Structures are given as structure tokens and as C-alpha cells.
């Protein structure tokens, strides 16, 4: 058990049988009134976000997650197959759990997964990935000085805005948090 005042961003708690991750935390002490904790929680199963208020004396069930490193191998229909780097078993993960991370998955990409009682709860890709440009309009001589951008389709199907000098076959770095072009690799 954990008290409401011990909550921090990233803490996972169980409320009414469902697991939530704390995404925002604020401890409020309003003058003569009793202190309370205002938190924003994200459901690890459904992904829905809720706001909850707790008294500072409330206790919650703390959930311990087991982090594991996985390597992406291939996609098979609605399942993404990863290899567990501890025991080398193949773990199929549903598209629902992978979510928006599928835009950044390439063969051999190492990801961080969190498990609870043998079930995968979340998947985190690195903050930066290197992807190859598969489709874009050709650039012309002199485009390297301009600050204009053009759309480029990457090997995973993700479309990002890149500078005019980027061409098909170039490898570019993409920020997975924002989906923005960072530079050539």
C-alpha cells in the first residue's frame, strides 16, 4: 500500500481492480482546509485518462511492474512478435498494446516492455529511431540552404516533414515522442 502523498509521475496503482499509471501529480494545501492530492491517471489496459482527487491520508494499492527488454522481430496480422532478451522466447503482442509505437518499429529495434503477473501492460520505444525514406519528391540543386520542408514517407509508413535536400534512400532520425524529423543519420 502507498499513501496518496507518496504518489509520483510514473507510479502504477490499482484502483477498483484496474491498473493506472500516474501521469500528473499535484499536492494542494488550500489554507485552512485539508490537504489533498490531485492526480491524472492513465489506464494501462484501455488507455483512458481520468482525473482523481485523494485525501492526503488515503492509501492505494501499489503495483510493481517487471521491466524487460524485447527485440522486435516481425508483424503477423494483428500481432507484433518480439523476442525476450532474457530467455529468447517469442512473445506476440497485440496491436492494441503496441498502439502508436507501431510507426517506429523496425527489425531488431530494442524496446522496453513492462509486465505484471506475466501479462504485458505497456511498450516503450526509444526516444529516437533511425528510419529510411522510401518516398518523397526529389530535391533540386541549391535546396540545402532553404528552411522549407516537404513530406516524406518512411519505411514504416510514417509521414514526416523533412528538409528539401532529403532524398529517397536517406536515413533520418525521428523523435518518437513528437514524430518530428531530427536530422539525417
N, C-alpha and C. Protein backbone atom coordinates (compact mmCIF):
# COMPACT_ATOMS: atom_id res chain seq x y z
N UNK A 1 0.83 -1.18 0.00
CA UNK A 1 0.00 0.00 0.00
C UNK A 1 0.88 1.24 0.00
N UNK A 2 0.36 2.29 -0.60
CA UNK A 2 1.10 3.54 -0.72
C UNK A 2 0.14 4.68 -0.39
N UNK A 3 0.63 5.70 0.32
CA UNK A 3 -0.24 6.83 0.64
C UNK A 3 -0.33 7.76 -0.57
N UNK A 4 -1.40 8.54 -0.63
CA UNK A 4 -1.61 9.44 -1.76
C UNK A 4 -0.50 10.47 -1.88
N UNK A 5 0.10 10.88 -0.75
CA UNK A 5 1.17 11.87 -0.81
C UNK A 5 2.47 11.28 -1.33
N UNK A 6 2.57 9.95 -1.40
CA UNK A 6 3.77 9.30 -1.92
C UNK A 6 3.70 9.07 -3.42
N UNK A 7 2.57 9.38 -4.05
CA UNK A 7 2.43 9.20 -5.49
C UNK A 7 3.37 10.13 -6.25
N UNK A 8 3.92 9.65 -7.34
CA UNK A 8 4.77 10.44 -8.22
C UNK A 8 4.46 10.05 -9.66
N UNK A 9 4.89 10.86 -10.61
CA UNK A 9 4.71 10.53 -12.01
C UNK A 9 5.38 9.20 -12.32
N UNK A 10 4.65 8.32 -13.03
CA UNK A 10 5.18 7.01 -13.38
C UNK A 10 4.79 5.91 -12.41
N UNK A 11 4.28 6.26 -11.22
CA UNK A 11 3.84 5.26 -10.25
C UNK A 11 2.61 4.55 -10.79
N UNK A 12 2.55 3.23 -10.59
CA UNK A 12 1.40 2.44 -11.05
C UNK A 12 0.63 1.98 -9.82
N UNK A 13 -0.68 2.24 -9.80
CA UNK A 13 -1.54 1.86 -8.69
C UNK A 13 -2.75 1.10 -9.22
N UNK A 14 -3.38 0.34 -8.32
CA UNK A 14 -4.58 -0.40 -8.68
C UNK A 14 -5.76 0.25 -7.95
N UNK A 15 -6.77 0.65 -8.75
CA UNK A 15 -7.99 1.26 -8.21
C UNK A 15 -9.17 0.49 -8.78
N UNK A 16 -10.02 -0.04 -7.91
CA UNK A 16 -11.19 -0.83 -8.32
C UNK A 16 -10.82 -1.94 -9.29
N UNK A 17 -9.70 -2.60 -9.05
CA UNK A 17 -9.29 -3.74 -9.86
C UNK A 17 -8.62 -3.39 -11.17
N UNK A 18 -8.48 -2.12 -11.50
CA UNK A 18 -7.84 -1.70 -12.74
C UNK A 18 -6.55 -0.96 -12.43
N UNK A 19 -5.52 -1.18 -13.26
CA UNK A 19 -4.23 -0.55 -13.04
C UNK A 19 -4.13 0.77 -13.80
N UNK A 20 -3.61 1.78 -13.09
CA UNK A 20 -3.44 3.11 -13.65
C UNK A 20 -2.02 3.59 -13.42
N UNK A 21 -1.51 4.35 -14.37
CA UNK A 21 -0.21 5.00 -14.21
C UNK A 21 -0.45 6.48 -13.94
N UNK A 22 0.26 7.02 -12.96
CA UNK A 22 0.15 8.44 -12.63
C UNK A 22 0.92 9.23 -13.69
N UNK A 23 0.21 10.11 -14.41
CA UNK A 23 0.86 10.93 -15.43
C UNK A 23 1.05 12.36 -14.98
N UNK A 24 0.26 12.81 -14.01
CA UNK A 24 0.42 14.16 -13.47
C UNK A 24 0.03 14.13 -12.00
N UNK A 25 0.77 14.86 -11.19
CA UNK A 25 0.59 14.81 -9.75
C UNK A 25 0.68 16.23 -9.19
N UNK A 26 -0.26 16.58 -8.31
CA UNK A 26 -0.24 17.90 -7.69
C UNK A 26 -0.75 17.78 -6.25
N UNK A 27 0.09 18.18 -5.29
CA UNK A 27 -0.29 18.17 -3.88
C UNK A 27 -0.76 19.58 -3.53
N UNK A 28 -2.01 19.70 -3.08
CA UNK A 28 -2.61 21.01 -2.84
C UNK A 28 -2.94 21.17 -1.35
N UNK A 29 -2.52 22.28 -0.78
CA UNK A 29 -2.84 22.61 0.62
C UNK A 29 -3.55 23.95 0.63
N UNK A 30 -4.89 23.96 0.57
CA UNK A 30 -5.64 25.22 0.46
C UNK A 30 -5.92 25.89 1.81
N UNK A 31 -4.99 26.65 2.30
CA UNK A 31 -5.19 27.46 3.51
C UNK A 31 -5.67 26.67 4.71
N UNK A 32 -6.89 26.99 5.22
CA UNK A 32 -7.44 26.34 6.41
C UNK A 32 -8.05 24.96 6.12
N UNK A 33 -8.22 24.60 4.87
CA UNK A 33 -8.83 23.32 4.53
C UNK A 33 -7.81 22.20 4.58
N UNK A 34 -8.29 20.98 4.48
CA UNK A 34 -7.39 19.82 4.49
C UNK A 34 -6.69 19.66 3.14
N UNK A 35 -5.47 19.18 3.22
CA UNK A 35 -4.69 18.96 2.00
C UNK A 35 -5.26 17.80 1.21
N UNK A 36 -5.08 17.86 -0.10
CA UNK A 36 -5.49 16.75 -0.97
C UNK A 36 -4.50 16.64 -2.13
N UNK A 37 -4.60 15.51 -2.82
CA UNK A 37 -3.71 15.24 -3.94
C UNK A 37 -4.57 15.11 -5.20
N UNK A 38 -4.27 15.90 -6.21
CA UNK A 38 -4.97 15.84 -7.49
C UNK A 38 -4.05 15.12 -8.47
N UNK A 39 -4.51 13.99 -9.04
CA UNK A 39 -3.68 13.21 -9.96
C UNK A 39 -4.43 12.97 -11.27
N UNK A 40 -3.66 12.85 -12.33
CA UNK A 40 -4.18 12.42 -13.62
C UNK A 40 -3.67 11.00 -13.82
N UNK A 41 -4.58 10.09 -14.09
CA UNK A 41 -4.26 8.67 -14.21
C UNK A 41 -4.58 8.18 -15.61
N UNK A 42 -3.69 7.31 -16.14
CA UNK A 42 -3.93 6.68 -17.44
C UNK A 42 -4.08 5.19 -17.24
N UNK A 43 -5.19 4.65 -17.72
CA UNK A 43 -5.44 3.22 -17.59
C UNK A 43 -4.44 2.46 -18.45
N UNK A 44 -3.80 1.45 -17.86
CA UNK A 44 -2.83 0.66 -18.61
C UNK A 44 -3.52 -0.33 -19.56
N UNK A 45 -4.74 -0.68 -19.31
CA UNK A 45 -5.47 -1.60 -20.19
C UNK A 45 -6.16 -0.87 -21.33
N UNK A 46 -6.96 0.15 -21.00
CA UNK A 46 -7.78 0.82 -22.01
C UNK A 46 -7.13 2.09 -22.55
N UNK A 47 -6.18 2.67 -21.82
CA UNK A 47 -5.53 3.89 -22.25
C UNK A 47 -6.32 5.15 -21.93
N UNK A 48 -7.49 5.00 -21.32
CA UNK A 48 -8.29 6.19 -21.00
C UNK A 48 -7.63 6.97 -19.87
N UNK A 49 -7.85 8.28 -19.89
CA UNK A 49 -7.25 9.18 -18.91
C UNK A 49 -8.35 9.73 -18.01
N UNK A 50 -8.12 9.67 -16.69
CA UNK A 50 -9.08 10.21 -15.73
C UNK A 50 -8.35 11.10 -14.74
N UNK A 51 -9.09 12.01 -14.14
CA UNK A 51 -8.55 12.84 -13.06
C UNK A 51 -9.19 12.37 -11.76
N UNK A 52 -8.40 12.27 -10.73
CA UNK A 52 -8.88 11.76 -9.45
C UNK A 52 -8.31 12.62 -8.34
N UNK A 53 -9.10 12.79 -7.28
CA UNK A 53 -8.67 13.56 -6.12
C UNK A 53 -8.66 12.62 -4.92
N UNK A 54 -7.56 12.66 -4.16
CA UNK A 54 -7.42 11.83 -2.96
C UNK A 54 -7.09 12.72 -1.77
N UNK A 55 -7.60 12.33 -0.60
CA UNK A 55 -7.15 12.99 0.62
C UNK A 55 -5.72 12.56 0.88
N UNK A 56 -4.98 13.37 1.57
CA UNK A 56 -3.57 13.04 1.81
C UNK A 56 -3.40 11.80 2.67
N UNK A 57 -4.44 11.38 3.38
CA UNK A 57 -4.35 10.18 4.22
C UNK A 57 -4.82 8.91 3.51
N UNK A 58 -5.39 9.02 2.30
CA UNK A 58 -5.86 7.85 1.56
C UNK A 58 -4.69 6.95 1.19
N UNK A 59 -4.97 5.65 1.16
CA UNK A 59 -3.95 4.69 0.73
C UNK A 59 -4.44 3.97 -0.53
N UNK A 60 -3.49 3.63 -1.39
CA UNK A 60 -3.78 2.95 -2.65
C UNK A 60 -2.90 1.72 -2.74
N UNK A 61 -3.34 0.76 -3.55
CA UNK A 61 -2.55 -0.45 -3.76
C UNK A 61 -1.48 -0.17 -4.79
N UNK A 62 -0.22 -0.29 -4.40
CA UNK A 62 0.92 -0.06 -5.29
C UNK A 62 1.15 -1.32 -6.13
N UNK A 63 1.41 -1.15 -7.42
CA UNK A 63 1.65 -2.27 -8.32
C UNK A 63 3.10 -2.23 -8.76
N UNK A 64 3.78 -3.36 -8.62
CA UNK A 64 5.16 -3.46 -9.04
C UNK A 64 5.19 -4.09 -10.43
N UNK A 65 5.82 -3.41 -11.36
CA UNK A 65 5.93 -3.90 -12.72
C UNK A 65 7.32 -4.45 -12.96
N UNK A 66 7.39 -5.46 -13.83
CA UNK A 66 8.66 -6.08 -14.16
C UNK A 66 9.10 -5.59 -15.55
N UNK A 67 10.16 -4.77 -15.61
CA UNK A 67 10.62 -4.30 -16.92
C UNK A 67 11.44 -5.38 -17.62
N UNK A 68 11.27 -5.48 -18.95
CA UNK A 68 12.06 -6.43 -19.74
C UNK A 68 12.42 -5.78 -21.06
N UNK A 69 13.57 -6.15 -21.58
CA UNK A 69 13.99 -5.68 -22.89
C UNK A 69 13.55 -6.70 -23.94
N UNK A 70 12.93 -6.18 -24.99
CA UNK A 70 12.46 -7.02 -26.09
C UNK A 70 13.01 -6.48 -27.40
N UNK A 71 13.21 -7.39 -28.37
CA UNK A 71 13.61 -7.00 -29.72
C UNK A 71 12.46 -7.29 -30.66
N UNK A 72 12.11 -6.30 -31.50
CA UNK A 72 11.05 -6.50 -32.47
C UNK A 72 11.56 -7.42 -33.58
N UNK A 73 10.74 -8.43 -33.94
CA UNK A 73 11.13 -9.36 -34.98
C UNK A 73 10.30 -9.16 -36.25
N UNK A 74 8.97 -9.32 -36.15
CA UNK A 74 8.11 -9.18 -37.33
C UNK A 74 6.66 -9.01 -36.91
N UNK A 75 5.84 -8.59 -37.89
CA UNK A 75 4.41 -8.43 -37.67
C UNK A 75 3.69 -9.56 -38.37
N UNK A 76 2.71 -10.15 -37.69
CA UNK A 76 1.94 -11.25 -38.25
C UNK A 76 0.46 -10.93 -38.03
N UNK A 77 -0.18 -10.33 -39.02
CA UNK A 77 -1.58 -9.95 -38.88
C UNK A 77 -1.73 -8.84 -37.85
N UNK A 78 -2.50 -9.09 -36.80
CA UNK A 78 -2.71 -8.10 -35.74
C UNK A 78 -1.70 -8.23 -34.60
N UNK A 79 -0.81 -9.19 -34.68
CA UNK A 79 0.16 -9.41 -33.61
C UNK A 79 1.55 -8.96 -34.04
N UNK A 80 2.23 -8.32 -33.12
CA UNK A 80 3.62 -7.93 -33.31
C UNK A 80 4.45 -8.91 -32.49
N UNK A 81 5.43 -9.55 -33.10
CA UNK A 81 6.22 -10.57 -32.43
C UNK A 81 7.56 -10.01 -32.00
N UNK A 82 7.84 -10.18 -30.72
CA UNK A 82 9.07 -9.70 -30.09
C UNK A 82 9.82 -10.88 -29.49
N UNK A 83 11.14 -10.74 -29.39
CA UNK A 83 11.95 -11.76 -28.73
C UNK A 83 12.38 -11.21 -27.38
N UNK A 84 12.10 -11.99 -26.32
CA UNK A 84 12.53 -11.64 -24.97
C UNK A 84 14.02 -11.89 -24.88
N UNK A 85 14.79 -10.87 -24.49
CA UNK A 85 16.24 -10.99 -24.47
C UNK A 85 16.76 -11.77 -23.25
N UNK A 86 15.89 -12.12 -22.31
CA UNK A 86 16.32 -12.91 -21.16
C UNK A 86 16.28 -14.40 -21.47
N UNK A 87 15.18 -14.88 -22.04
CA UNK A 87 15.03 -16.31 -22.29
C UNK A 87 14.88 -16.65 -23.77
N UNK A 88 14.94 -15.66 -24.65
CA UNK A 88 14.89 -15.83 -26.10
C UNK A 88 13.59 -16.45 -26.61
N UNK A 89 12.51 -16.29 -25.87
CA UNK A 89 11.20 -16.75 -26.32
C UNK A 89 10.55 -15.67 -27.16
N UNK A 90 9.70 -16.09 -28.09
CA UNK A 90 8.94 -15.15 -28.90
C UNK A 90 7.66 -14.80 -28.17
N UNK A 91 7.39 -13.49 -28.08
CA UNK A 91 6.20 -13.01 -27.39
C UNK A 91 5.34 -12.23 -28.38
N UNK A 92 4.14 -12.75 -28.69
CA UNK A 92 3.24 -11.96 -29.56
C UNK A 92 2.53 -10.90 -28.72
N UNK A 93 2.50 -9.68 -29.23
CA UNK A 93 1.86 -8.56 -28.54
C UNK A 93 0.81 -7.98 -29.48
N UNK A 94 -0.38 -7.76 -28.95
CA UNK A 94 -1.49 -7.27 -29.77
C UNK A 94 -1.25 -5.84 -30.23
N UNK A 95 -1.88 -5.48 -31.34
CA UNK A 95 -1.77 -4.13 -31.88
C UNK A 95 -2.32 -3.11 -30.90
N UNK A 96 -3.27 -3.51 -30.08
CA UNK A 96 -3.85 -2.61 -29.07
C UNK A 96 -2.80 -2.17 -28.05
N UNK A 97 -1.95 -3.10 -27.61
CA UNK A 97 -0.91 -2.78 -26.64
C UNK A 97 0.20 -1.97 -27.31
N UNK A 98 0.57 -2.33 -28.54
CA UNK A 98 1.63 -1.63 -29.26
C UNK A 98 1.22 -0.19 -29.54
N UNK A 99 -0.03 0.02 -29.93
CA UNK A 99 -0.57 1.36 -30.14
C UNK A 99 0.18 2.15 -31.19
N UNK A 100 0.44 3.42 -30.89
CA UNK A 100 1.10 4.34 -31.82
C UNK A 100 2.58 4.02 -32.02
N UNK A 101 3.13 3.14 -31.19
CA UNK A 101 4.54 2.77 -31.33
C UNK A 101 4.81 2.01 -32.62
N UNK A 102 3.76 1.47 -33.26
CA UNK A 102 3.96 0.69 -34.48
C UNK A 102 4.57 1.52 -35.60
N UNK A 103 4.48 2.83 -35.53
CA UNK A 103 5.04 3.71 -36.55
C UNK A 103 6.57 3.73 -36.52
N UNK A 104 7.15 3.23 -35.45
CA UNK A 104 8.59 3.31 -35.27
C UNK A 104 9.27 1.95 -35.20
N UNK A 105 8.51 0.86 -35.32
CA UNK A 105 9.08 -0.48 -35.17
C UNK A 105 9.78 -0.94 -36.44
N UNK A 106 11.06 -1.26 -36.31
CA UNK A 106 11.85 -1.83 -37.40
C UNK A 106 12.51 -3.09 -36.89
N UNK A 107 12.94 -3.95 -37.81
CA UNK A 107 13.57 -5.22 -37.42
C UNK A 107 14.73 -4.98 -36.46
N UNK A 108 14.72 -5.70 -35.34
CA UNK A 108 15.81 -5.63 -34.38
C UNK A 108 15.75 -4.45 -33.42
N UNK A 109 14.73 -3.61 -33.51
CA UNK A 109 14.63 -2.47 -32.60
C UNK A 109 14.40 -2.96 -31.17
N UNK A 110 15.21 -2.46 -30.24
CA UNK A 110 15.08 -2.84 -28.84
C UNK A 110 14.08 -1.91 -28.15
N UNK A 111 13.09 -2.50 -27.50
CA UNK A 111 12.06 -1.73 -26.80
C UNK A 111 12.03 -2.17 -25.34
N UNK A 112 11.42 -1.34 -24.50
CA UNK A 112 11.26 -1.63 -23.08
C UNK A 112 9.79 -1.99 -22.85
N UNK A 113 9.54 -3.16 -22.29
CA UNK A 113 8.18 -3.60 -22.00
C UNK A 113 8.02 -3.78 -20.50
N UNK A 114 6.81 -3.51 -20.03
CA UNK A 114 6.53 -3.70 -18.61
C UNK A 114 5.47 -4.78 -18.44
N UNK A 115 5.79 -5.76 -17.59
CA UNK A 115 4.92 -6.90 -17.36
C UNK A 115 4.40 -6.88 -15.94
N UNK A 116 3.20 -7.41 -15.76
CA UNK A 116 2.62 -7.61 -14.43
C UNK A 116 1.95 -8.97 -14.44
N UNK A 117 2.44 -9.85 -13.58
CA UNK A 117 1.92 -11.21 -13.47
C UNK A 117 1.89 -11.92 -14.81
N UNK A 118 2.96 -11.76 -15.61
CA UNK A 118 3.09 -12.44 -16.89
C UNK A 118 2.38 -11.77 -18.06
N UNK A 119 1.61 -10.73 -17.81
CA UNK A 119 0.90 -10.03 -18.88
C UNK A 119 1.61 -8.72 -19.19
N UNK A 120 1.73 -8.40 -20.47
CA UNK A 120 2.37 -7.14 -20.86
C UNK A 120 1.37 -6.01 -20.72
N UNK A 121 1.82 -4.92 -20.11
CA UNK A 121 0.96 -3.77 -19.89
C UNK A 121 1.30 -2.60 -20.79
N UNK A 122 2.58 -2.37 -21.02
CA UNK A 122 2.96 -1.24 -21.85
C UNK A 122 4.25 -1.53 -22.60
N UNK A 123 4.43 -0.77 -23.66
CA UNK A 123 5.59 -0.92 -24.53
C UNK A 123 6.15 0.47 -24.81
N UNK A 124 7.45 0.65 -24.64
CA UNK A 124 8.08 1.94 -24.86
C UNK A 124 9.20 1.80 -25.88
N UNK A 125 9.12 2.58 -26.95
CA UNK A 125 10.19 2.61 -27.94
C UNK A 125 11.22 3.65 -27.51
N UNK A 126 12.44 3.57 -28.04
CA UNK A 126 13.45 4.60 -27.70
C UNK A 126 12.97 5.99 -28.11
N UNK A 127 13.55 7.03 -27.53
CA UNK A 127 13.14 8.40 -27.84
C UNK A 127 13.49 8.80 -29.27
N UNK A 128 14.52 8.17 -29.85
CA UNK A 128 14.91 8.45 -31.22
C UNK A 128 15.08 7.15 -31.97
N UNK A 129 14.60 7.12 -33.21
CA UNK A 129 14.82 5.96 -34.08
C UNK A 129 15.34 6.44 -35.42
N UNK A 130 16.04 5.57 -36.12
CA UNK A 130 16.54 5.87 -37.46
C UNK A 130 15.72 5.08 -38.46
N UNK A 131 15.12 5.78 -39.41
CA UNK A 131 14.26 5.17 -40.41
C UNK A 131 14.70 5.62 -41.80
N UNK A 132 14.44 4.77 -42.80
CA UNK A 132 14.82 5.08 -44.18
C UNK A 132 13.67 5.73 -44.92
N UNK A 133 13.99 6.73 -45.74
CA UNK A 133 13.00 7.42 -46.56
C UNK A 133 12.69 6.54 -47.76
N UNK A 134 11.40 6.19 -47.95
CA UNK A 134 11.02 5.34 -49.08
C UNK A 134 10.30 6.11 -50.18
N UNK A 135 9.76 7.28 -49.83
CA UNK A 135 9.04 8.06 -50.84
C UNK A 135 9.06 9.53 -50.48
N UNK A 136 9.46 10.35 -51.42
CA UNK A 136 9.43 11.80 -51.27
C UNK A 136 9.66 12.43 -52.64
N UNK A 137 9.38 13.71 -52.77
CA UNK A 137 9.63 14.40 -54.02
C UNK A 137 11.12 14.68 -54.12
N UNK A 138 11.67 14.63 -55.33
CA UNK A 138 13.12 14.87 -55.45
C UNK A 138 13.46 16.33 -55.17
N UNK A 139 14.63 16.52 -54.62
CA UNK A 139 15.11 17.87 -54.35
C UNK A 139 15.87 18.40 -55.57
N UNK A 140 16.09 19.69 -55.59
CA UNK A 140 16.86 20.30 -56.66
C UNK A 140 18.11 20.94 -56.10
N UNK A 141 19.08 21.18 -56.96
CA UNK A 141 20.33 21.77 -56.53
C UNK A 141 20.06 23.13 -55.87
N UNK A 142 20.68 23.37 -54.72
CA UNK A 142 20.50 24.62 -54.01
C UNK A 142 19.50 24.53 -52.86
N UNK A 143 18.84 23.38 -52.71
CA UNK A 143 17.84 23.22 -51.65
C UNK A 143 18.45 23.08 -50.26
N UNK A 144 19.76 22.90 -50.17
CA UNK A 144 20.36 22.65 -48.86
C UNK A 144 20.35 23.89 -47.96
N UNK A 145 20.16 25.07 -48.51
CA UNK A 145 20.20 26.29 -47.72
C UNK A 145 18.82 26.69 -47.23
N UNK A 146 17.79 26.19 -47.86
CA UNK A 146 16.42 26.61 -47.55
C UNK A 146 15.92 26.00 -46.25
N UNK A 147 14.97 26.69 -45.64
CA UNK A 147 14.37 26.16 -44.41
C UNK A 147 12.99 25.56 -44.69
N UNK A 148 12.63 25.42 -45.96
CA UNK A 148 11.35 24.82 -46.33
C UNK A 148 11.39 23.32 -46.11
N UNK A 149 10.20 22.72 -45.97
CA UNK A 149 10.12 21.28 -45.77
C UNK A 149 9.17 20.65 -46.78
N UNK A 150 9.25 19.34 -46.87
CA UNK A 150 8.37 18.56 -47.74
C UNK A 150 8.01 17.28 -47.00
N UNK A 151 6.89 16.63 -47.36
CA UNK A 151 6.54 15.36 -46.70
C UNK A 151 7.39 14.22 -47.25
N UNK A 152 7.73 13.29 -46.36
CA UNK A 152 8.48 12.10 -46.75
C UNK A 152 7.86 10.90 -46.05
N UNK A 153 7.67 9.82 -46.80
CA UNK A 153 7.15 8.58 -46.23
C UNK A 153 8.35 7.72 -45.86
N UNK A 154 8.34 7.21 -44.63
CA UNK A 154 9.44 6.39 -44.13
C UNK A 154 9.10 4.92 -44.26
N UNK A 155 10.05 4.05 -44.01
CA UNK A 155 9.89 2.61 -44.22
C UNK A 155 8.76 1.98 -43.43
N UNK A 156 8.33 2.59 -42.35
CA UNK A 156 7.24 2.05 -41.53
C UNK A 156 5.88 2.61 -41.94
N UNK A 157 5.87 3.54 -42.91
CA UNK A 157 4.63 4.17 -43.34
C UNK A 157 4.39 5.52 -42.70
N UNK A 158 5.22 5.89 -41.74
CA UNK A 158 5.11 7.19 -41.08
C UNK A 158 5.47 8.30 -42.05
N UNK A 159 4.68 9.37 -42.06
CA UNK A 159 4.96 10.53 -42.91
C UNK A 159 5.42 11.67 -42.01
N UNK A 160 6.60 12.21 -42.30
CA UNK A 160 7.15 13.33 -41.53
C UNK A 160 7.56 14.44 -42.49
N UNK A 161 7.66 15.64 -41.96
CA UNK A 161 8.15 16.78 -42.72
C UNK A 161 9.67 16.80 -42.62
N UNK A 162 10.34 16.82 -43.79
CA UNK A 162 11.80 16.82 -43.83
C UNK A 162 12.28 18.00 -44.67
N UNK A 163 13.55 18.41 -44.52
CA UNK A 163 14.09 19.48 -45.37
C UNK A 163 14.10 19.05 -46.84
N UNK A 164 14.17 20.02 -47.74
CA UNK A 164 14.10 19.75 -49.16
C UNK A 164 15.25 18.90 -49.69
N UNK A 165 16.41 18.89 -49.02
CA UNK A 165 17.56 18.15 -49.53
C UNK A 165 17.49 16.65 -49.24
N UNK A 166 16.56 16.19 -48.41
CA UNK A 166 16.44 14.77 -48.11
C UNK A 166 15.86 14.05 -49.32
N UNK A 167 16.46 12.89 -49.67
CA UNK A 167 16.01 12.15 -50.84
C UNK A 167 15.72 10.70 -50.49
N UNK A 168 15.14 9.97 -51.43
CA UNK A 168 14.80 8.56 -51.23
C UNK A 168 16.09 7.79 -50.94
N UNK A 169 16.02 6.92 -49.93
CA UNK A 169 17.18 6.12 -49.54
C UNK A 169 17.96 6.70 -48.37
N UNK A 170 17.74 7.98 -48.08
CA UNK A 170 18.41 8.59 -46.92
C UNK A 170 17.86 8.00 -45.63
N UNK A 171 18.70 7.92 -44.62
CA UNK A 171 18.25 7.50 -43.30
C UNK A 171 18.14 8.76 -42.45
N UNK A 172 16.98 8.88 -41.77
CA UNK A 172 16.72 10.06 -40.96
C UNK A 172 16.39 9.65 -39.54
N UNK A 173 16.69 10.54 -38.60
CA UNK A 173 16.35 10.30 -37.21
C UNK A 173 15.02 10.99 -36.92
N UNK A 174 14.15 10.27 -36.18
CA UNK A 174 12.82 10.78 -35.85
C UNK A 174 12.64 10.70 -34.33
N UNK A 175 12.08 11.76 -33.75
CA UNK A 175 11.74 11.78 -32.33
C UNK A 175 10.43 11.03 -32.14
N UNK A 176 10.43 9.94 -31.38
CA UNK A 176 9.23 9.12 -31.22
C UNK A 176 8.19 9.76 -30.31
N UNK A 177 8.59 10.75 -29.53
CA UNK A 177 7.63 11.42 -28.65
C UNK A 177 6.77 12.41 -29.42
N UNK A 178 7.37 13.07 -30.44
CA UNK A 178 6.65 14.09 -31.20
C UNK A 178 6.40 13.70 -32.64
N UNK A 179 7.14 12.71 -33.16
CA UNK A 179 7.01 12.31 -34.56
C UNK A 179 7.68 13.27 -35.51
N UNK A 180 8.62 14.06 -35.02
CA UNK A 180 9.27 15.08 -35.84
C UNK A 180 10.66 14.63 -36.31
N UNK A 181 11.04 15.15 -37.46
CA UNK A 181 12.37 14.94 -38.04
C UNK A 181 13.43 15.60 -37.17
N UNK A 182 14.51 14.89 -36.87
CA UNK A 182 15.59 15.44 -36.06
C UNK A 182 16.85 15.73 -36.89
N UNK A 183 17.09 14.92 -37.90
CA UNK A 183 18.29 15.10 -38.71
C UNK A 183 18.58 13.83 -39.50
N UNK A 184 19.58 13.91 -40.37
CA UNK A 184 19.99 12.72 -41.11
C UNK A 184 20.91 11.87 -40.25
N UNK A 185 20.85 10.58 -40.48
CA UNK A 185 21.69 9.66 -39.70
C UNK A 185 22.97 9.33 -40.43
